[in-house]
Amino acid sequence: MTEKPSPTPTTDHKTNNREYSYVRLAMRNMVRKKNTSLKHFFLTVIGLLTFLVGISYLTR
């Protein structure tokens, strides 16, 4: 019987660290640039609501 080789721990470790560091950097940037993040969030919400109301108006 031949067993499938398991993934090497170094490969998984590097991948997990890289993904974790990207998340960490994104969260750090969001905290550092609160006003910009909030402005973009509210613009996205307003744009989405405008789009949904426009589509509902056109399809009634």
PDB file of N, CA and C in Angstrom:
ATOM      1  N   MET A   1       0.827  -1.186   0.000  1.00  0.00           N
ATOM      2  CA  MET A   1       0.000   0.000   0.000  1.00  0.00           C
ATOM      3  C   MET A   1       0.872   1.250   0.000  1.00  0.00           C
ATOM      4  N   THR A   2       0.518   2.156  -0.867  1.00  0.00           N
ATOM      5  CA  THR A   2       1.252   3.411  -0.878  1.00  0.00           C
ATOM      6  C   THR A   2       0.363   4.496  -0.282  1.00  0.00           C
ATOM      7  N   GLU A   3       0.953   5.280   0.565  1.00  0.00           N
ATOM      8  CA  GLU A   3       0.197   6.366   1.182  1.00  0.00           C
ATOM      9  C   GLU A   3       0.457   7.655   0.421  1.00  0.00           C
ATOM     10  N   LYS A   4      -0.560   8.501   0.401  1.00  0.00           N
ATOM     11  CA  LYS A   4      -0.400   9.792  -0.248  1.00  0.00           C
ATOM     12  C   LYS A   4       0.495  10.659   0.628  1.00  0.00           C
ATOM     13  N   PRO A   5       1.403  11.369   0.019  1.00  0.00           N
ATOM     14  CA  PRO A   5       2.254  12.240   0.844  1.00  0.00           C
ATOM     15  C   PRO A   5       1.437  13.396   1.403  1.00  0.00           C
ATOM     16  N   SER A   6       1.661  13.678   2.656  1.00  0.00           N
ATOM     17  CA  SER A   6       0.947  14.800   3.275  1.00  0.00           C
ATOM     18  C   SER A   6       1.661  16.100   2.912  1.00  0.00           C
ATOM     19  N   PRO A   7       0.917  17.194   2.885  1.00  0.00           N
ATOM     20  CA  PRO A   7       1.564  18.470   2.569  1.00  0.00           C
ATOM     21  C   PRO A   7       2.604  18.818   3.626  1.00  0.00           C
ATOM     22  N   THR A   8       3.663  19.422   3.175  1.00  0.00           N
ATOM     23  CA  THR A   8       4.726  19.750   4.115  1.00  0.00           C
ATOM     24  C   THR A   8       4.279  20.887   5.025  1.00  0.00           C
ATOM     25  N   PRO A   9       4.643  20.832   6.285  1.00  0.00           N
ATOM     26  CA  PRO A   9       4.209  21.874   7.214  1.00  0.00           C
ATOM     27  C   PRO A   9       4.770  23.251   6.868  1.00  0.00           C
ATOM     28  N   THR A  10       5.945  23.288   6.239  1.00  0.00           N
ATOM     29  CA  THR A  10       6.515  24.601   5.912  1.00  0.00           C
ATOM     30  C   THR A  10       5.682  25.307   4.857  1.00  0.00           C
ATOM     31  N   THR A  11       5.158  24.566   3.880  1.00  0.00           N
ATOM     32  CA  THR A  11       4.326  25.183   2.842  1.00  0.00           C
ATOM     33  C   THR A  11       3.049  25.738   3.463  1.00  0.00           C
ATOM     34  N   ASP A  12       2.375  24.937   4.288  1.00  0.00           N
ATOM     35  CA  ASP A  12       1.146  25.400   4.927  1.00  0.00           C
ATOM     36  C   ASP A  12       1.434  26.575   5.852  1.00  0.00           C
ATOM     37  N   HIS A  13       2.559  26.509   6.560  1.00  0.00           N
ATOM     38  CA  HIS A  13       2.893  27.563   7.499  1.00  0.00           C
ATOM     39  C   HIS A  13       3.114  28.888   6.770  1.00  0.00           C
ATOM     40  N   LYS A  14       3.818  28.848   5.641  1.00  0.00           N
ATOM     41  CA  LYS A  14       4.060  30.070   4.880  1.00  0.00           C
ATOM     42  C   LYS A  14       2.763  30.634   4.323  1.00  0.00           C
ATOM     43  N   THR A  15       1.906  29.771   3.803  1.00  0.00           N
ATOM     44  CA  THR A  15       0.638  30.228   3.247  1.00  0.00           C
ATOM     45  C   THR A  15      -0.219  30.865   4.317  1.00  0.00           C
ATOM     46  N   ASN A  16      -0.325  30.224   5.482  1.00  0.00           N
ATOM     47  CA  ASN A  16      -1.135  30.774   6.561  1.00  0.00           C
ATOM     48  C   ASN A  16      -0.573  32.105   7.037  1.00  0.00           C
ATOM     49  N   ASN A  17       0.740  32.210   7.150  1.00  0.00           N
ATOM     50  CA  ASN A  17       1.325  33.473   7.582  1.00  0.00           C
ATOM     51  C   ASN A  17       1.066  34.571   6.571  1.00  0.00           C
ATOM     52  N   ARG A  18       1.175  34.259   5.296  1.00  0.00           N
ATOM     53  CA  ARG A  18       0.972  35.265   4.267  1.00  0.00           C
ATOM     54  C   ARG A  18      -0.469  35.759   4.294  1.00  0.00           C
ATOM     55  N   GLU A  19      -1.430  34.852   4.378  1.00  0.00           N
ATOM     56  CA  GLU A  19      -2.828  35.256   4.428  1.00  0.00           C
ATOM     57  C   GLU A  19      -3.115  36.053   5.696  1.00  0.00           C
ATOM     58  N   TYR A  20      -2.557  35.611   6.799  1.00  0.00           N
ATOM     59  CA  TYR A  20      -2.788  36.292   8.054  1.00  0.00           C
ATOM     60  C   TYR A  20      -2.205  37.692   8.019  1.00  0.00           C
ATOM     61  N   SER A  21      -1.035  37.830   7.418  1.00  0.00           N
ATOM     62  CA  SER A  21      -0.420  39.148   7.372  1.00  0.00           C
ATOM     63  C   SER A  21      -1.221  40.091   6.477  1.00  0.00           C
ATOM     64  N   TYR A  22      -1.814  39.589   5.389  1.00  0.00           N
ATOM     65  CA  TYR A  22      -2.652  40.442   4.551  1.00  0.00           C
ATOM     66  C   TYR A  22      -3.869  40.926   5.325  1.00  0.00           C
ATOM     67  N   VAL A  23      -4.485  40.033   6.080  1.00  0.00           N
ATOM     68  CA  VAL A  23      -5.645  40.419   6.879  1.00  0.00           C
ATOM     69  C   VAL A  23      -5.228  41.428   7.940  1.00  0.00           C
ATOM     70  N   ARG A  24      -4.092  41.165   8.567  1.00  0.00           N
ATOM     71  CA  ARG A  24      -3.608  42.082   9.601  1.00  0.00           C
ATOM     72  C   ARG A  24      -3.347  43.468   9.019  1.00  0.00           C
ATOM     73  N   LEU A  25      -2.722  43.525   7.846  1.00  0.00           N
ATOM     74  CA  LEU A  25      -2.446  44.823   7.224  1.00  0.00           C
ATOM     75  C   LEU A  25      -3.733  45.542   6.831  1.00  0.00           C
ATOM     76  N   ALA A  26      -4.699  44.811   6.329  1.00  0.00           N
ATOM     77  CA  ALA A  26      -5.963  45.429   5.935  1.00  0.00           C
ATOM     78  C   ALA A  26      -6.690  45.998   7.146  1.00  0.00           C
ATOM     79  N   MET A  27      -6.709  45.236   8.237  1.00  0.00           N
ATOM     80  CA  MET A  27      -7.363  45.722   9.447  1.00  0.00           C
ATOM     81  C   MET A  27      -6.623  46.933  10.019  1.00  0.00           C
ATOM     82  N   ARG A  28      -5.304  46.892   9.978  1.00  0.00           N
ATOM     83  CA  ARG A  28      -4.514  48.022  10.486  1.00  0.00           C
ATOM     84  C   ARG A  28      -4.782  49.273   9.668  1.00  0.00           C
ATOM     85  N   ASN A  29      -4.875  49.125   8.335  1.00  0.00           N
ATOM     86  CA  ASN A  29      -5.169  50.278   7.487  1.00  0.00           C
ATOM     87  C   ASN A  29      -6.563  50.822   7.739  1.00  0.00           C
ATOM     88  N   MET A  30      -7.532  49.937   7.984  1.00  0.00           N
ATOM     89  CA  MET A  30      -8.886  50.394   8.265  1.00  0.00           C
ATOM     90  C   MET A  30      -8.934  51.184   9.563  1.00  0.00           C
ATOM     91  N   VAL A  31      -8.202  50.732  10.568  1.00  0.00           N
ATOM     92  CA  VAL A  31      -8.186  51.441  11.842  1.00  0.00           C
ATOM     93  C   VAL A  31      -7.459  52.771  11.692  1.00  0.00           C
ATOM     94  N   ARG A  32      -6.378  52.774  10.943  1.00  0.00           N
ATOM     95  CA  ARG A  32      -5.574  53.983  10.775  1.00  0.00           C
ATOM     96  C   ARG A  32      -6.324  55.041   9.963  1.00  0.00           C
ATOM     97  N   LYS A  33      -7.098  54.620   8.980  1.00  0.00           N
ATOM     98  CA  LYS A  33      -7.792  55.556   8.079  1.00  0.00           C
ATOM     99  C   LYS A  33      -9.294  55.444   8.284  1.00  0.00           C
ATOM    100  N   LYS A  34      -9.751  55.773   9.487  1.00  0.00           N
ATOM    101  CA  LYS A  34     -11.165  55.608   9.827  1.00  0.00           C
ATOM    102  C   LYS A  34     -12.074  56.426   8.926  1.00  0.00           C
ATOM    103  N   ASN A  35     -11.752  57.701   8.742  1.00  0.00           N
ATOM    104  CA  ASN A  35     -12.635  58.577   7.967  1.00  0.00           C
ATOM    105  C   ASN A  35     -12.794  58.096   6.538  1.00  0.00           C
ATOM    106  N   THR A  36     -11.706  57.681   5.924  1.00  0.00           N
ATOM    107  CA  THR A  36     -11.772  57.199   4.550  1.00  0.00           C
ATOM    108  C   THR A  36     -12.589  55.923   4.466  1.00  0.00           C
ATOM    109  N   SER A  37     -12.375  55.012   5.413  1.00  0.00           N
ATOM    110  CA  SER A  37     -13.117  53.754   5.400  1.00  0.00           C
ATOM    111  C   SER A  37     -14.602  53.998   5.602  1.00  0.00           C
ATOM    112  N   LEU A  38     -14.957  54.867   6.543  1.00  0.00           N
ATOM    113  CA  LEU A  38     -16.370  55.161   6.781  1.00  0.00           C
ATOM    114  C   LEU A  38     -17.002  55.859   5.592  1.00  0.00           C
ATOM    115  N   LYS A  39     -16.264  56.779   4.967  1.00  0.00           N
ATOM    116  CA  LYS A  39     -16.792  57.480   3.798  1.00  0.00           C
ATOM    117  C   LYS A  39     -17.073  56.495   2.666  1.00  0.00           C
ATOM    118  N   HIS A  40     -16.138  55.593   2.416  1.00  0.00           N
ATOM    119  CA  HIS A  40     -16.343  54.601   1.357  1.00  0.00           C
ATOM    120  C   HIS A  40     -17.490  53.659   1.688  1.00  0.00           C
ATOM    121  N   PHE A  41     -17.615  53.295   2.968  1.00  0.00           N
ATOM    122  CA  PHE A  41     -18.716  52.413   3.374  1.00  0.00           C
ATOM    123  C   PHE A  41     -20.065  53.080   3.118  1.00  0.00           C
ATOM    124  N   PHE A  42     -20.201  54.339   3.559  1.00  0.00           N
ATOM    125  CA  PHE A  42     -21.479  55.023   3.380  1.00  0.00           C
ATOM    126  C   PHE A  42     -21.775  55.321   1.912  1.00  0.00           C
ATOM    127  N   LEU A  43     -20.754  55.632   1.130  1.00  0.00           N
ATOM    128  CA  LEU A  43     -20.977  55.822  -0.306  1.00  0.00           C
ATOM    129  C   LEU A  43     -21.440  54.530  -0.964  1.00  0.00           C
ATOM    130  N   THR A  44     -20.884  53.399  -0.522  1.00  0.00           N
ATOM    131  CA  THR A  44     -21.304  52.105  -1.065  1.00  0.00           C
ATOM    132  C   THR A  44     -22.749  51.811  -0.692  1.00  0.00           C
ATOM    133  N   VAL A  45     -23.125  52.084   0.562  1.00  0.00           N
ATOM    134  CA  VAL A  45     -24.502  51.839   1.008  1.00  0.00           C
ATOM    135  C   VAL A  45     -25.472  52.716   0.224  1.00  0.00           C
ATOM    136  N   ILE A  46     -25.140  53.994   0.083  1.00  0.00           N
ATOM    137  CA  ILE A  46     -26.024  54.906  -0.649  1.00  0.00           C
ATOM    138  C   ILE A  46     -26.141  54.484  -2.112  1.00  0.00           C
ATOM    139  N   GLY A  47     -25.028  54.101  -2.718  1.00  0.00           N
ATOM    140  CA  GLY A  47     -25.058  53.653  -4.109  1.00  0.00           C
ATOM    141  C   GLY A  47     -25.880  52.391  -4.292  1.00  0.00           C
ATOM    142  N   LEU A  48     -25.728  51.449  -3.367  1.00  0.00           N
ATOM    143  CA  LEU A  48     -26.490  50.202  -3.454  1.00  0.00           C
ATOM    144  C   LEU A  48     -27.981  50.457  -3.274  1.00  0.00           C
ATOM    145  N   LEU A  49     -28.337  51.280  -2.295  1.00  0.00           N
ATOM    146  CA  LEU A  49     -29.757  51.599  -2.093  1.00  0.00           C
ATOM    147  C   LEU A  49     -30.338  52.333  -3.300  1.00  0.00           C
ATOM    148  N   THR A  50     -29.567  53.256  -3.860  1.00  0.00           N
ATOM    149  CA  THR A  50     -30.026  53.973  -5.052  1.00  0.00           C
ATOM    150  C   THR A  50     -30.243  53.017  -6.214  1.00  0.00           C
ATOM    151  N   PHE A  51     -29.318  52.088  -6.381  1.00  0.00           N
ATOM    152  CA  PHE A  51     -29.451  51.100  -7.442  1.00  0.00           C
ATOM    153  C   PHE A  51     -30.697  50.242  -7.238  1.00  0.00           C
ATOM    154  N   LEU A  52     -30.891  49.751  -6.025  1.00  0.00           N
ATOM    155  CA  LEU A  52     -32.056  48.886  -5.762  1.00  0.00           C
ATOM    156  C   LEU A  52     -33.373  49.634  -5.929  1.00  0.00           C
ATOM    157  N   VAL A  53     -33.445  50.877  -5.455  1.00  0.00           N
ATOM    158  CA  VAL A  53     -34.664  51.664  -5.629  1.00  0.00           C
ATOM    159  C   VAL A  53     -34.896  51.963  -7.109  1.00  0.00           C
ATOM    160  N   GLY A  54     -33.835  52.260  -7.846  1.00  0.00           N
ATOM    161  CA  GLY A  54     -33.964  52.512  -9.281  1.00  0.00           C
ATOM    162  C   GLY A  54     -34.455  51.296 -10.033  1.00  0.00           C
ATOM    163  N   ILE A  55     -33.905  50.128  -9.717  1.00  0.00           N
ATOM    164  CA  ILE A  55     -34.343  48.893 -10.376  1.00  0.00           C
ATOM    165  C   ILE A  55     -35.801  48.587 -10.024  1.00  0.00           C
ATOM    166  N   SER A  56     -36.160  48.773  -8.760  1.00  0.00           N
ATOM    167  CA  SER A  56     -37.563  48.496  -8.371  1.00  0.00           C
ATOM    168  C   SER A  56     -38.522  49.473  -9.047  1.00  0.00           C
ATOM    169  N   TYR A  57     -38.098  50.719  -9.220  1.00  0.00           N
ATOM    170  CA  TYR A  57     -38.943  51.706  -9.907  1.00  0.00           C
ATOM    171  C   TYR A  57     -39.119  51.339 -11.387  1.00  0.00           C
ATOM    172  N   LEU A  58     -38.029  50.890 -12.012  1.00  0.00           N
ATOM    173  CA  LEU A  58     -38.103  50.559 -13.437  1.00  0.00           C
ATOM    174  C   LEU A  58     -38.908  49.288 -13.710  1.00  0.00           C
ATOM    175  N   THR A  59     -38.977  48.396 -12.741  1.00  0.00           N
ATOM    176  CA  THR A  59     -39.631  47.111 -12.984  1.00  0.00           C
ATOM    177  C   THR A  59     -41.031  47.026 -12.390  1.00  0.00           C
ATOM    178  N   ARG A  60     -41.577  48.136 -11.933  1.00  0.00           N
ATOM    179  CA  ARG A  60     -42.922  48.042 -11.328  1.00  0.00           C
ATOM    180  C   ARG A  60     -44.015  48.033 -12.358  1.00  0.00           C
TER     181      ARG A  60
END
